[in-house]
Amino acid sequence: MTPQSRFTLEDRLPADYFSNALHADVTRGLGGTPRTLPPKWFYDKRGSDLFEQITRLPEYYPTRAEQEILTRRAPEIAALTRASTLVELGSGSSRKTRLLLDALTAGGSLVRYAPLDVSASALEEAGEAIRRDYPGLEVTATVADFETDLALSDEPGPRLLAFLGSTIGNFDAAQRQTFYRTLSLALSSDDVLLLGADLVKDPEVLVRAYDDSQGVTAEFNKNVLYVLNRELGADFDPEAFDHVAVWNADEERIEMRLRAKVAQTVKVPDLDLTVEFAAGEDLRTELSCKFRRETLTRELYEGGFTVRDWWTDPASRFALLLAVPN
């Protein structure tokens, strides 16, 4: 097999996936109470670049904390799982994944890396780089929405399925249960889930992580309005909204919101939709749930997984855990 043939990209999304999903999400979210939008619509090219900037901000600890754990624990994870295939959900640039690839390759078990993401361009760029840097590895990338199409099929087992970055925190409790159930049914008894989760901590630390002093997160939050203007012909004025990050103590989650500075009317022509915002009304754009070991272990068990290993960074800000199907 030539090096060029070691990278494949399968696109499982229908041609109208993005437009249909965006139309459905915006119609449902702007028409509901409270008004909401899913965070996945932050991530056009500009939004992805802004998020990369966020990960390097001094206030934004999750990326660094997770990387600290992976740096220390990747060899142990490789030894415990002996994975033949590393499956990564929402892989994006696959930057942190290299710590796992290095450890699994050094351990001699890894045959295939199988990233899954909705962005074909991100998968192609990352996949080609990994194929080049790990010449003995087969890379089979899949363009799919893992919430509706898990796209696990003929990967050599055992499989290590990585869901990093505390993306699980973007789901509410009901969505998490559905997701765990889908995963547990898709995995075999010798497969393992590697999950990254941000932990409950001082609310001031949490709010600062989502409302940085340089205003990068504010720009990232408002980017969703630029996306709606471009893709749906909407006439949002992003400067007519303030970025707000709120700690919801009852639900133990950060909520990112866009708060209308003044009463305003927004038209979304492509959806034949008119939205009236009152002064001070919030549009919730992201949930970022934070976890405690006991409650996360329990909800995973109820979703079909038993937590086998649990690691944190030295400051106990973030957790990585290994869980196996019940």
C-alpha atoms as a PDB file:
ATOM      1  CA  MET A   1       0.000   0.000   0.000  1.00  0.00           C
ATOM      2  CA  THR A   2       1.420   3.367  -0.988  1.00  0.00           C
ATOM      3  CA  PRO A   3       1.527   6.233   1.528  1.00  0.00           C
ATOM      4  CA  GLN A   4      -1.042   8.167  -0.524  1.00  0.00           C
ATOM      5  CA  SER A   5      -3.591   5.373  -0.221  1.00  0.00           C
ATOM      6  CA  ARG A   6      -3.471   5.362   3.578  1.00  0.00           C
ATOM      7  CA  PHE A   7      -5.805   8.355   3.881  1.00  0.00           C
ATOM      8  CA  THR A   8      -9.476   8.067   2.891  1.00  0.00           C
ATOM      9  CA  LEU A   9     -12.314  10.538   3.377  1.00  0.00           C
ATOM     10  CA  GLU A  10     -15.940   9.400   3.275  1.00  0.00           C
ATOM     11  CA  ASP A  11     -18.646  12.090   3.214  1.00  0.00           C
ATOM     12  CA  ARG A  12     -21.856  10.750   4.738  1.00  0.00           C
ATOM     13  CA  LEU A  13     -23.682  14.084   4.963  1.00  0.00           C
ATOM     14  CA  PRO A  14     -26.439  14.770   2.420  1.00  0.00           C
ATOM     15  CA  ALA A  15     -25.790  17.726   0.116  1.00  0.00           C
ATOM     16  CA  ASP A  16     -28.445  19.829   1.870  1.00  0.00           C
ATOM     17  CA  TYR A  17     -27.391  18.874   5.422  1.00  0.00           C
ATOM     18  CA  PHE A  18     -26.082  22.267   6.519  1.00  0.00           C
ATOM     19  CA  SER A  19     -28.917  24.337   5.073  1.00  0.00           C
ATOM     20  CA  ASN A  20     -31.620  22.002   6.419  1.00  0.00           C
ATOM     21  CA  ALA A  21     -30.020  21.787   9.866  1.00  0.00           C
ATOM     22  CA  LEU A  22     -29.488  25.548  10.066  1.00  0.00           C
ATOM     23  CA  HIS A  23     -33.054  26.279   8.977  1.00  0.00           C
ATOM     24  CA  ALA A  24     -34.474  23.839  11.521  1.00  0.00           C
ATOM     25  CA  ASP A  25     -32.266  25.027  14.393  1.00  0.00           C
ATOM     26  CA  VAL A  26     -32.935  28.731  13.806  1.00  0.00           C
ATOM     27  CA  THR A  27     -36.681  28.285  13.299  1.00  0.00           C
ATOM     28  CA  ARG A  28     -36.962  26.259  16.483  1.00  0.00           C
ATOM     29  CA  GLY A  29     -34.489  28.288  18.539  1.00  0.00           C
ATOM     30  CA  LEU A  30     -35.613  31.824  17.691  1.00  0.00           C
ATOM     31  CA  GLY A  31     -39.258  30.825  17.900  1.00  0.00           C
ATOM     32  CA  GLY A  32     -38.922  29.264  21.348  1.00  0.00           C
ATOM     33  CA  THR A  33     -38.853  30.630  24.891  1.00  0.00           C
ATOM     34  CA  PRO A  34     -36.195  31.330  25.969  1.00  0.00           C
ATOM     35  CA  ARG A  35     -34.620  32.022  22.585  1.00  0.00           C
ATOM     36  CA  THR A  36     -31.681  29.719  21.877  1.00  0.00           C
ATOM     37  CA  LEU A  37     -29.233  28.700  19.159  1.00  0.00           C
ATOM     38  CA  PRO A  38     -26.996  25.588  19.161  1.00  0.00           C
ATOM     39  CA  PRO A  39     -23.270  26.357  19.558  1.00  0.00           C
ATOM     40  CA  LYS A  40     -22.315  24.408  16.421  1.00  0.00           C
ATOM     41  CA  TRP A  41     -23.195  27.477  14.324  1.00  0.00           C
ATOM     42  CA  PHE A  42     -20.310  29.468  15.826  1.00  0.00           C
ATOM     43  CA  TYR A  43     -17.837  27.478  13.790  1.00  0.00           C
ATOM     44  CA  ASP A  44     -17.452  28.882  10.328  1.00  0.00           C
ATOM     45  CA  LYS A  45     -13.855  29.717   9.350  1.00  0.00           C
ATOM     46  CA  ARG A  46     -13.843  32.940  11.368  1.00  0.00           C
ATOM     47  CA  GLY A  47     -15.463  31.266  14.370  1.00  0.00           C
ATOM     48  CA  SER A  48     -12.984  28.394  14.310  1.00  0.00           C
ATOM     49  CA  ASP A  49     -10.083  30.857  14.175  1.00  0.00           C
ATOM     50  CA  LEU A  50     -11.544  32.814  17.106  1.00  0.00           C
ATOM     51  CA  PHE A  51     -11.930  29.632  19.140  1.00  0.00           C
ATOM     52  CA  GLU A  52      -8.299  28.757  18.501  1.00  0.00           C
ATOM     53  CA  GLN A  53      -7.428  32.184  19.945  1.00  0.00           C
ATOM     54  CA  ILE A  54      -9.660  31.468  22.962  1.00  0.00           C
ATOM     55  CA  THR A  55      -7.765  28.255  23.733  1.00  0.00           C
ATOM     56  CA  ARG A  56      -4.585  30.299  24.149  1.00  0.00           C
ATOM     57  CA  LEU A  57      -6.078  32.956  26.453  1.00  0.00           C
ATOM     58  CA  PRO A  58      -4.794  33.009  30.041  1.00  0.00           C
ATOM     59  CA  GLU A  59      -8.346  32.797  31.431  1.00  0.00           C
ATOM     60  CA  TYR A  60      -9.326  29.774  29.338  1.00  0.00           C
ATOM     61  CA  TYR A  61      -7.897  26.822  31.244  1.00  0.00           C
ATOM     62  CA  PRO A  62      -9.788  23.752  29.815  1.00  0.00           C
ATOM     63  CA  THR A  63      -7.573  23.145  26.781  1.00  0.00           C
ATOM     64  CA  ARG A  64      -4.346  23.440  28.786  1.00  0.00           C
ATOM     65  CA  ALA A  65      -5.685  21.334  31.658  1.00  0.00           C
ATOM     66  CA  GLU A  66      -6.804  18.530  29.354  1.00  0.00           C
ATOM     67  CA  GLN A  67      -3.472  18.628  27.543  1.00  0.00           C
ATOM     68  CA  GLU A  68      -1.645  18.357  30.886  1.00  0.00           C
ATOM     69  CA  ILE A  69      -3.571  15.181  31.694  1.00  0.00           C
ATOM     70  CA  LEU A  70      -2.999  13.686  28.241  1.00  0.00           C
ATOM     71  CA  THR A  71       0.715  14.479  28.396  1.00  0.00           C
ATOM     72  CA  ARG A  72       1.035  12.553  31.660  1.00  0.00           C
ATOM     73  CA  ARG A  73      -1.488   9.786  31.078  1.00  0.00           C
ATOM     74  CA  ALA A  74      -1.406   8.943  27.363  1.00  0.00           C
ATOM     75  CA  PRO A  75       1.102   6.082  27.823  1.00  0.00           C
ATOM     76  CA  GLU A  76      -1.088   4.652  30.600  1.00  0.00           C
ATOM     77  CA  ILE A  77      -4.211   5.007  28.431  1.00  0.00           C
ATOM     78  CA  ALA A  78      -2.411   3.189  25.610  1.00  0.00           C
ATOM     79  CA  ALA A  79      -1.341   0.373  27.926  1.00  0.00           C
ATOM     80  CA  LEU A  80      -4.807   0.010  29.442  1.00  0.00           C
ATOM     81  CA  THR A  81      -6.725  -0.021  26.171  1.00  0.00           C
ATOM     82  CA  ARG A  82      -4.290  -1.639  23.685  1.00  0.00           C
ATOM     83  CA  ALA A  83      -6.473  -0.012  21.043  1.00  0.00           C
ATOM     84  CA  SER A  84      -6.120  -1.031  17.404  1.00  0.00           C
ATOM     85  CA  THR A  85      -8.309   1.880  16.279  1.00  0.00           C
ATOM     86  CA  LEU A  86      -8.544   5.377  17.706  1.00  0.00           C
ATOM     87  CA  VAL A  87     -11.933   6.881  16.832  1.00  0.00           C
ATOM     88  CA  GLU A  88     -12.271  10.594  17.539  1.00  0.00           C
ATOM     89  CA  LEU A  89     -15.602  12.410  17.574  1.00  0.00           C
ATOM     90  CA  GLY A  90     -15.630  16.064  16.561  1.00  0.00           C
ATOM     91  CA  SER A  91     -11.941  15.864  15.866  1.00  0.00           C
ATOM     92  CA  GLY A  92     -11.441  19.277  14.264  1.00  0.00           C
ATOM     93  CA  SER A  93      -7.708  19.862  13.937  1.00  0.00           C
ATOM     94  CA  SER A  94      -6.768  16.664  15.867  1.00  0.00           C
ATOM     95  CA  ARG A  95      -4.033  18.609  17.695  1.00  0.00           C
ATOM     96  CA  LYS A  96      -4.380  17.002  21.137  1.00  0.00           C
ATOM     97  CA  THR A  97      -4.932  13.636  19.527  1.00  0.00           C
ATOM     98  CA  ARG A  98      -1.262  13.386  18.641  1.00  0.00           C
ATOM     99  CA  LEU A  99      -0.458  12.652  22.280  1.00  0.00           C
ATOM    100  CA  LEU A 100      -2.693   9.589  22.044  1.00  0.00           C
ATOM    101  CA  LEU A 101      -1.374   8.641  18.608  1.00  0.00           C
ATOM    102  CA  ASP A 102       2.211   8.836  19.869  1.00  0.00           C
ATOM    103  CA  ALA A 103       1.456   6.656  22.887  1.00  0.00           C
ATOM    104  CA  LEU A 104      -0.607   4.068  20.995  1.00  0.00           C
ATOM    105  CA  THR A 105       1.972   3.921  18.197  1.00  0.00           C
ATOM    106  CA  ALA A 106       4.800   3.495  20.704  1.00  0.00           C
ATOM    107  CA  GLY A 107       2.797   0.737  22.358  1.00  0.00           C
ATOM    108  CA  GLY A 108       2.581  -1.097  19.064  1.00  0.00           C
ATOM    109  CA  SER A 109      -1.195  -1.666  19.031  1.00  0.00           C
ATOM    110  CA  LEU A 110      -2.507   1.090  16.760  1.00  0.00           C
ATOM    111  CA  VAL A 111      -3.527   0.251  13.184  1.00  0.00           C
ATOM    112  CA  ARG A 112      -6.044   2.943  12.283  1.00  0.00           C
ATOM    113  CA  TYR A 113      -7.051   6.486  13.196  1.00  0.00           C
ATOM    114  CA  ALA A 114     -10.710   7.220  12.395  1.00  0.00           C
ATOM    115  CA  PRO A 115     -11.658  10.878  12.957  1.00  0.00           C
ATOM    116  CA  LEU A 116     -15.267  11.972  12.539  1.00  0.00           C
ATOM    117  CA  ASP A 117     -16.380  15.580  12.076  1.00  0.00           C
ATOM    118  CA  VAL A 118     -18.898  17.675  10.132  1.00  0.00           C
ATOM    119  CA  SER A 119     -16.089  19.697   8.536  1.00  0.00           C
ATOM    120  CA  ALA A 120     -14.611  17.980   5.480  1.00  0.00           C
ATOM    121  CA  SER A 121     -11.884  20.615   5.144  1.00  0.00           C
ATOM    122  CA  ALA A 122     -10.731  20.205   8.760  1.00  0.00           C
ATOM    123  CA  LEU A 123     -10.662  16.424   8.369  1.00  0.00           C
ATOM    124  CA  GLU A 124      -8.767  16.612   5.100  1.00  0.00           C
ATOM    125  CA  GLU A 125      -6.151  18.983   6.475  1.00  0.00           C
ATOM    126  CA  ALA A 126      -5.650  17.062   9.714  1.00  0.00           C
ATOM    127  CA  GLY A 127      -5.844  13.657   8.044  1.00  0.00           C
ATOM    128  CA  GLU A 128      -3.181  14.462   5.469  1.00  0.00           C
ATOM    129  CA  ALA A 129      -0.872  15.819   8.169  1.00  0.00           C
ATOM    130  CA  ILE A 130      -1.320  12.725  10.330  1.00  0.00           C
ATOM    131  CA  ARG A 131      -0.839  10.393   7.362  1.00  0.00           C
ATOM    132  CA  ARG A 132       2.408  12.216   6.620  1.00  0.00           C
ATOM    133  CA  ASP A 133       3.669  12.181  10.212  1.00  0.00           C
ATOM    134  CA  TYR A 134       2.575   8.610  11.021  1.00  0.00           C
ATOM    135  CA  PRO A 135       3.453   6.753   7.801  1.00  0.00           C
ATOM    136  CA  GLY A 136       2.503   3.323   9.114  1.00  0.00           C
ATOM    137  CA  LEU A 137      -0.995   4.402  10.146  1.00  0.00           C
ATOM    138  CA  GLU A 138      -4.183   4.037   8.155  1.00  0.00           C
ATOM    139  CA  VAL A 139      -6.369   7.160   8.417  1.00  0.00           C
ATOM    140  CA  THR A 140     -10.055   6.758   7.565  1.00  0.00           C
ATOM    141  CA  ALA A 141     -11.886  10.058   8.049  1.00  0.00           C
ATOM    142  CA  THR A 142     -15.670  10.380   7.966  1.00  0.00           C
ATOM    143  CA  VAL A 143     -17.717  13.505   7.407  1.00  0.00           C
ATOM    144  CA  ALA A 144     -20.803  12.936   9.556  1.00  0.00           C
ATOM    145  CA  ASP A 145     -22.887  14.368  12.387  1.00  0.00           C
ATOM    146  CA  PHE A 146     -22.128  12.063  15.300  1.00  0.00           C
ATOM    147  CA  GLU A 147     -25.354  13.103  17.052  1.00  0.00           C
ATOM    148  CA  THR A 148     -27.397  11.467  14.272  1.00  0.00           C
ATOM    149  CA  ASP A 149     -24.909   9.132  12.554  1.00  0.00           C
ATOM    150  CA  LEU A 150     -22.173   7.575  14.665  1.00  0.00           C
ATOM    151  CA  ALA A 151     -20.602   5.983  11.575  1.00  0.00           C
ATOM    152  CA  LEU A 152     -18.826   3.130  13.391  1.00  0.00           C
ATOM    153  CA  SER A 153     -18.510   0.081  11.210  1.00  0.00           C
ATOM    154  CA  ASP A 154     -15.541  -2.117  10.354  1.00  0.00           C
ATOM    155  CA  GLU A 155     -12.758  -0.552  12.417  1.00  0.00           C
ATOM    156  CA  PRO A 156     -10.314  -3.104  13.854  1.00  0.00           C
ATOM    157  CA  GLY A 157     -10.897  -3.645  17.570  1.00  0.00           C
ATOM    158  CA  PRO A 158     -10.448  -2.970  20.322  1.00  0.00           C
ATOM    159  CA  ARG A 159     -11.454   0.627  19.671  1.00  0.00           C
ATOM    160  CA  LEU A 160     -10.703   3.668  21.796  1.00  0.00           C
ATOM    161  CA  LEU A 161     -13.395   6.261  21.173  1.00  0.00           C
ATOM    162  CA  ALA A 162     -12.182   9.730  22.218  1.00  0.00           C
ATOM    163  CA  PHE A 163     -14.604  12.574  22.919  1.00  0.00           C
ATOM    164  CA  LEU A 164     -12.365  15.339  24.192  1.00  0.00           C
ATOM    165  CA  GLY A 165     -12.537  19.050  24.995  1.00  0.00           C
ATOM    166  CA  SER A 166     -15.534  18.753  27.345  1.00  0.00           C
ATOM    167  CA  THR A 167     -17.808  18.952  24.312  1.00  0.00           C
ATOM    168  CA  ILE A 168     -20.110  16.692  26.337  1.00  0.00           C
ATOM    169  CA  GLY A 169     -20.839  19.808  28.413  1.00  0.00           C
ATOM    170  CA  ASN A 170     -22.626  21.401  25.442  1.00  0.00           C
ATOM    171  CA  PHE A 171     -25.410  18.821  25.839  1.00  0.00           C
ATOM    172  CA  ASP A 172     -28.092  19.152  28.493  1.00  0.00           C
ATOM    173  CA  ALA A 173     -28.863  16.191  30.765  1.00  0.00           C
ATOM    174  CA  ALA A 174     -31.455  14.632  28.444  1.00  0.00           C
ATOM    175  CA  GLN A 175     -29.228  15.002  25.394  1.00  0.00           C
ATOM    176  CA  ARG A 176     -26.318  13.422  27.288  1.00  0.00           C
ATOM    177  CA  GLN A 177     -28.395  10.374  28.203  1.00  0.00           C
ATOM    178  CA  THR A 178     -29.437   9.886  24.576  1.00  0.00           C
ATOM    179  CA  PHE A 179     -25.829  10.268  23.470  1.00  0.00           C
ATOM    180  CA  TYR A 180     -24.474   7.784  26.043  1.00  0.00           C
ATOM    181  CA  ARG A 181     -27.109   5.232  25.046  1.00  0.00           C
ATOM    182  CA  THR A 182     -26.254   5.597  21.360  1.00  0.00           C
ATOM    183  CA  LEU A 183     -22.544   5.174  22.125  1.00  0.00           C
ATOM    184  CA  SER A 184     -22.981   2.190  24.441  1.00  0.00           C
ATOM    185  CA  LEU A 185     -25.045   0.347  21.832  1.00  0.00           C
ATOM    186  CA  ALA A 186     -22.476   1.093  19.098  1.00  0.00           C
ATOM    187  CA  LEU A 187     -19.460  -0.130  21.060  1.00  0.00           C
ATOM    188  CA  SER A 188     -18.377  -3.704  21.706  1.00  0.00           C
ATOM    189  CA  SER A 189     -17.459  -5.114  25.098  1.00  0.00           C
ATOM    190  CA  ASP A 190     -13.725  -4.641  24.459  1.00  0.00           C
ATOM    191  CA  ASP A 191     -14.091  -1.008  23.290  1.00  0.00           C
ATOM    192  CA  VAL A 192     -13.394   1.934  25.606  1.00  0.00           C
ATOM    193  CA  LEU A 193     -14.684   5.512  25.795  1.00  0.00           C
ATOM    194  CA  LEU A 194     -12.201   8.282  26.639  1.00  0.00           C
ATOM    195  CA  LEU A 195     -14.191  11.311  27.784  1.00  0.00           C
ATOM    196  CA  GLY A 196     -12.990  14.809  28.670  1.00  0.00           C
ATOM    197  CA  ALA A 197     -15.101  16.740  31.185  1.00  0.00           C
ATOM    198  CA  ASP A 198     -14.707  20.137  32.796  1.00  0.00           C
ATOM    199  CA  LEU A 199     -15.272  20.147  36.560  1.00  0.00           C
ATOM    200  CA  VAL A 200     -17.283  22.379  38.885  1.00  0.00           C
ATOM    201  CA  LYS A 201     -15.085  25.055  40.456  1.00  0.00           C
ATOM    202  CA  ASP A 202     -15.077  28.660  41.679  1.00  0.00           C
ATOM    203  CA  PRO A 203     -17.759  30.483  39.633  1.00  0.00           C
ATOM    204  CA  GLU A 204     -15.446  33.478  39.194  1.00  0.00           C
ATOM    205  CA  VAL A 205     -12.861  31.271  37.481  1.00  0.00           C
ATOM    206  CA  LEU A 206     -15.560  29.787  35.271  1.00  0.00           C
ATOM    207  CA  VAL A 207     -17.082  33.118  34.246  1.00  0.00           C
ATOM    208  CA  ARG A 208     -13.653  34.570  33.408  1.00  0.00           C
ATOM    209  CA  ALA A 209     -12.971  31.577  31.141  1.00  0.00           C
ATOM    210  CA  TYR A 210     -16.045  32.501  29.089  1.00  0.00           C
ATOM    211  CA  ASP A 211     -15.783  36.296  29.329  1.00  0.00           C
ATOM    212  CA  ASP A 212     -12.118  37.127  28.804  1.00  0.00           C
ATOM    213  CA  SER A 213     -10.555  40.539  29.313  1.00  0.00           C
ATOM    214  CA  GLN A 214      -9.528  40.862  25.648  1.00  0.00           C
ATOM    215  CA  GLY A 215     -13.061  40.360  24.357  1.00  0.00           C
ATOM    216  CA  VAL A 216     -12.185  37.399  22.122  1.00  0.00           C
ATOM    217  CA  THR A 217     -15.019  35.269  23.513  1.00  0.00           C
ATOM    218  CA  ALA A 218     -17.443  38.142  22.964  1.00  0.00           C
ATOM    219  CA  GLU A 219     -16.455  38.249  19.282  1.00  0.00           C
ATOM    220  CA  PHE A 220     -16.763  34.474  19.082  1.00  0.00           C
ATOM    221  CA  ASN A 221     -20.253  34.615  20.599  1.00  0.00           C
ATOM    222  CA  LYS A 222     -21.425  37.372  18.243  1.00  0.00           C
ATOM    223  CA  ASN A 223     -20.029  35.457  15.267  1.00  0.00           C
ATOM    224  CA  VAL A 224     -23.175  33.337  15.197  1.00  0.00           C
ATOM    225  CA  LEU A 225     -25.122  36.459  14.210  1.00  0.00           C
ATOM    226  CA  TYR A 226     -22.758  37.060  11.283  1.00  0.00           C
ATOM    227  CA  VAL A 227     -23.334  33.446  10.235  1.00  0.00           C
ATOM    228  CA  LEU A 228     -27.126  33.930  10.300  1.00  0.00           C
ATOM    229  CA  ASN A 229     -26.844  37.193   8.361  1.00  0.00           C
ATOM    230  CA  ARG A 230     -24.697  35.569   5.683  1.00  0.00           C
ATOM    231  CA  GLU A 231     -26.480  32.238   5.383  1.00  0.00           C
ATOM    232  CA  LEU A 232     -30.113  33.285   5.912  1.00  0.00           C
ATOM    233  CA  GLY A 233     -30.170  36.924   4.824  1.00  0.00           C
ATOM    234  CA  ALA A 234     -30.898  38.002   8.418  1.00  0.00           C
ATOM    235  CA  ASP A 235     -30.358  41.608   9.482  1.00  0.00           C
ATOM    236  CA  PHE A 236     -28.923  41.160  12.972  1.00  0.00           C
ATOM    237  CA  ASP A 237     -26.783  44.060  14.166  1.00  0.00           C
ATOM    238  CA  PRO A 238     -24.155  42.228  16.254  1.00  0.00           C
ATOM    239  CA  GLU A 239     -23.201  45.488  17.987  1.00  0.00           C
ATOM    240  CA  ALA A 240     -26.777  45.776  19.296  1.00  0.00           C
ATOM    241  CA  PHE A 241     -26.095  42.774  21.559  1.00  0.00           C
ATOM    242  CA  ASP A 242     -23.837  42.367  24.572  1.00  0.00           C
ATOM    243  CA  HIS A 243     -21.929  39.168  25.265  1.00  0.00           C
ATOM    244  CA  VAL A 244     -22.888  37.721  28.662  1.00  0.00           C
ATOM    245  CA  ALA A 245     -21.535  34.659  30.485  1.00  0.00           C
ATOM    246  CA  VAL A 246     -23.648  33.534  33.446  1.00  0.00           C
ATOM    247  CA  TRP A 247     -23.039  30.813  36.026  1.00  0.00           C
ATOM    248  CA  ASN A 248     -26.294  28.887  36.515  1.00  0.00           C
ATOM    249  CA  ALA A 249     -25.710  27.463  39.995  1.00  0.00           C
ATOM    250  CA  ASP A 250     -28.842  25.274  39.990  1.00  0.00           C
ATOM    251  CA  GLU A 251     -27.846  23.496  36.782  1.00  0.00           C
ATOM    252  CA  GLU A 252     -24.079  23.828  37.419  1.00  0.00           C
ATOM    253  CA  ARG A 253     -23.363  25.224  33.993  1.00  0.00           C
ATOM    254  CA  ILE A 254     -22.072  28.310  32.255  1.00  0.00           C
ATOM    255  CA  GLU A 255     -24.566  29.850  29.852  1.00  0.00           C
ATOM    256  CA  MET A 256     -23.312  32.111  27.083  1.00  0.00           C
ATOM    257  CA  ARG A 257     -25.911  34.599  25.965  1.00  0.00           C
ATOM    258  CA  LEU A 258     -26.328  37.552  23.651  1.00  0.00           C
ATOM    259  CA  ARG A 259     -28.333  40.256  25.403  1.00  0.00           C
ATOM    260  CA  ALA A 260     -30.246  42.827  23.380  1.00  0.00           C
ATOM    261  CA  LYS A 261     -29.081  46.348  24.280  1.00  0.00           C
ATOM    262  CA  VAL A 262     -32.338  47.898  23.029  1.00  0.00           C
ATOM    263  CA  ALA A 263     -35.712  46.705  21.790  1.00  0.00           C
ATOM    264  CA  GLN A 264     -35.297  45.637  18.170  1.00  0.00           C
ATOM    265  CA  THR A 265     -36.890  43.744  15.318  1.00  0.00           C
ATOM    266  CA  VAL A 266     -34.827  41.210  13.381  1.00  0.00           C
ATOM    267  CA  LYS A 267     -35.934  39.783  10.047  1.00  0.00           C
ATOM    268  CA  VAL A 268     -34.764  36.425   8.697  1.00  0.00           C
ATOM    269  CA  PRO A 269     -36.032  36.488   5.092  1.00  0.00           C
ATOM    270  CA  ASP A 270     -34.964  32.988   4.118  1.00  0.00           C
ATOM    271  CA  LEU A 271     -37.193  31.589   6.873  1.00  0.00           C
ATOM    272  CA  ASP A 272     -39.961  34.197   6.494  1.00  0.00           C
ATOM    273  CA  LEU A 273     -39.335  34.932  10.166  1.00  0.00           C
ATOM    274  CA  THR A 274     -39.585  38.159  12.167  1.00  0.00           C
ATOM    275  CA  VAL A 275     -38.219  38.170  15.717  1.00  0.00           C
ATOM    276  CA  GLU A 276     -38.975  40.876  18.281  1.00  0.00           C
ATOM    277  CA  PHE A 277     -36.335  41.312  20.985  1.00  0.00           C
ATOM    278  CA  ALA A 278     -37.172  43.298  24.105  1.00  0.00           C
ATOM    279  CA  ALA A 279     -34.442  45.443  25.642  1.00  0.00           C
ATOM    280  CA  GLY A 280     -32.432  43.163  27.935  1.00  0.00           C
ATOM    281  CA  GLU A 281     -33.790  39.958  26.390  1.00  0.00           C
ATOM    282  CA  ASP A 282     -31.293  37.095  26.112  1.00  0.00           C
ATOM    283  CA  LEU A 283     -30.540  34.770  23.229  1.00  0.00           C
ATOM    284  CA  ARG A 284     -28.771  31.728  24.719  1.00  0.00           C
ATOM    285  CA  THR A 285     -26.035  30.485  22.414  1.00  0.00           C
ATOM    286  CA  GLU A 286     -24.194  27.861  24.449  1.00  0.00           C
ATOM    287  CA  LEU A 287     -24.475  25.620  27.472  1.00  0.00           C
ATOM    288  CA  SER A 288     -21.232  24.522  29.066  1.00  0.00           C
ATOM    289  CA  CYS A 289     -22.143  22.058  31.790  1.00  0.00           C
ATOM    290  CA  LYS A 290     -19.605  21.368  34.536  1.00  0.00           C
ATOM    291  CA  PHE A 291     -19.354  18.056  36.314  1.00  0.00           C
ATOM    292  CA  ARG A 292     -18.656  16.361  39.641  1.00  0.00           C
ATOM    293  CA  ARG A 293     -17.129  12.901  39.753  1.00  0.00           C
ATOM    294  CA  GLU A 294     -20.032  11.257  41.588  1.00  0.00           C
ATOM    295  CA  THR A 295     -22.776  12.678  39.380  1.00  0.00           C
ATOM    296  CA  LEU A 296     -20.919  12.126  36.096  1.00  0.00           C
ATOM    297  CA  THR A 297     -20.093   8.540  37.063  1.00  0.00           C
ATOM    298  CA  ARG A 298     -23.762   7.954  37.896  1.00  0.00           C
ATOM    299  CA  GLU A 299     -25.143   9.462  34.691  1.00  0.00           C
ATOM    300  CA  LEU A 300     -22.679   7.468  32.605  1.00  0.00           C
ATOM    301  CA  TYR A 301     -23.775   4.274  34.371  1.00  0.00           C
ATOM    302  CA  GLU A 302     -27.404   5.108  33.668  1.00  0.00           C
ATOM    303  CA  GLY A 303     -26.409   5.665  30.027  1.00  0.00           C
ATOM    304  CA  GLY A 304     -24.724   2.268  29.727  1.00  0.00           C
ATOM    305  CA  PHE A 305     -21.107   2.870  30.837  1.00  0.00           C
ATOM    306  CA  THR A 306     -18.984   1.972  33.854  1.00  0.00           C
ATOM    307  CA  VAL A 307     -16.192   4.416  34.663  1.00  0.00           C
ATOM    308  CA  ARG A 308     -12.975   2.446  35.042  1.00  0.00           C
ATOM    309  CA  ASP A 309     -10.313   5.161  35.390  1.00  0.00           C
ATOM    310  CA  TRP A 310     -10.446   8.851  36.324  1.00  0.00           C
ATOM    311  CA  TRP A 311      -7.620  11.391  36.097  1.00  0.00           C
ATOM    312  CA  THR A 312      -7.415  15.130  36.716  1.00  0.00           C
ATOM    313  CA  ASP A 313      -4.798  17.812  36.191  1.00  0.00           C
ATOM    314  CA  PRO A 314      -2.824  18.825  39.331  1.00  0.00           C
ATOM    315  CA  ALA A 315      -5.271  21.653  40.089  1.00  0.00           C
ATOM    316  CA  SER A 316      -8.321  19.341  39.680  1.00  0.00           C
ATOM    317  CA  ARG A 317      -9.859  21.649  37.095  1.00  0.00           C
ATOM    318  CA  PHE A 318     -10.547  19.062  34.414  1.00  0.00           C
ATOM    319  CA  ALA A 319     -11.052  15.295  34.202  1.00  0.00           C
ATOM    320  CA  LEU A 320     -10.277  12.567  31.694  1.00  0.00           C
ATOM    321  CA  LEU A 321     -11.978   9.252  32.244  1.00  0.00           C
ATOM    322  CA  LEU A 322     -12.053   5.811  30.713  1.00  0.00           C
ATOM    323  CA  ALA A 323     -15.427   4.080  30.642  1.00  0.00           C
ATOM    324  CA  VAL A 324     -16.499   0.700  29.276  1.00  0.00           C
ATOM    325  CA  PRO A 325     -19.959  -0.470  28.145  1.00  0.00           C
ATOM    326  CA  ASN A 326     -21.916  -2.081  30.989  1.00  0.00           C
END
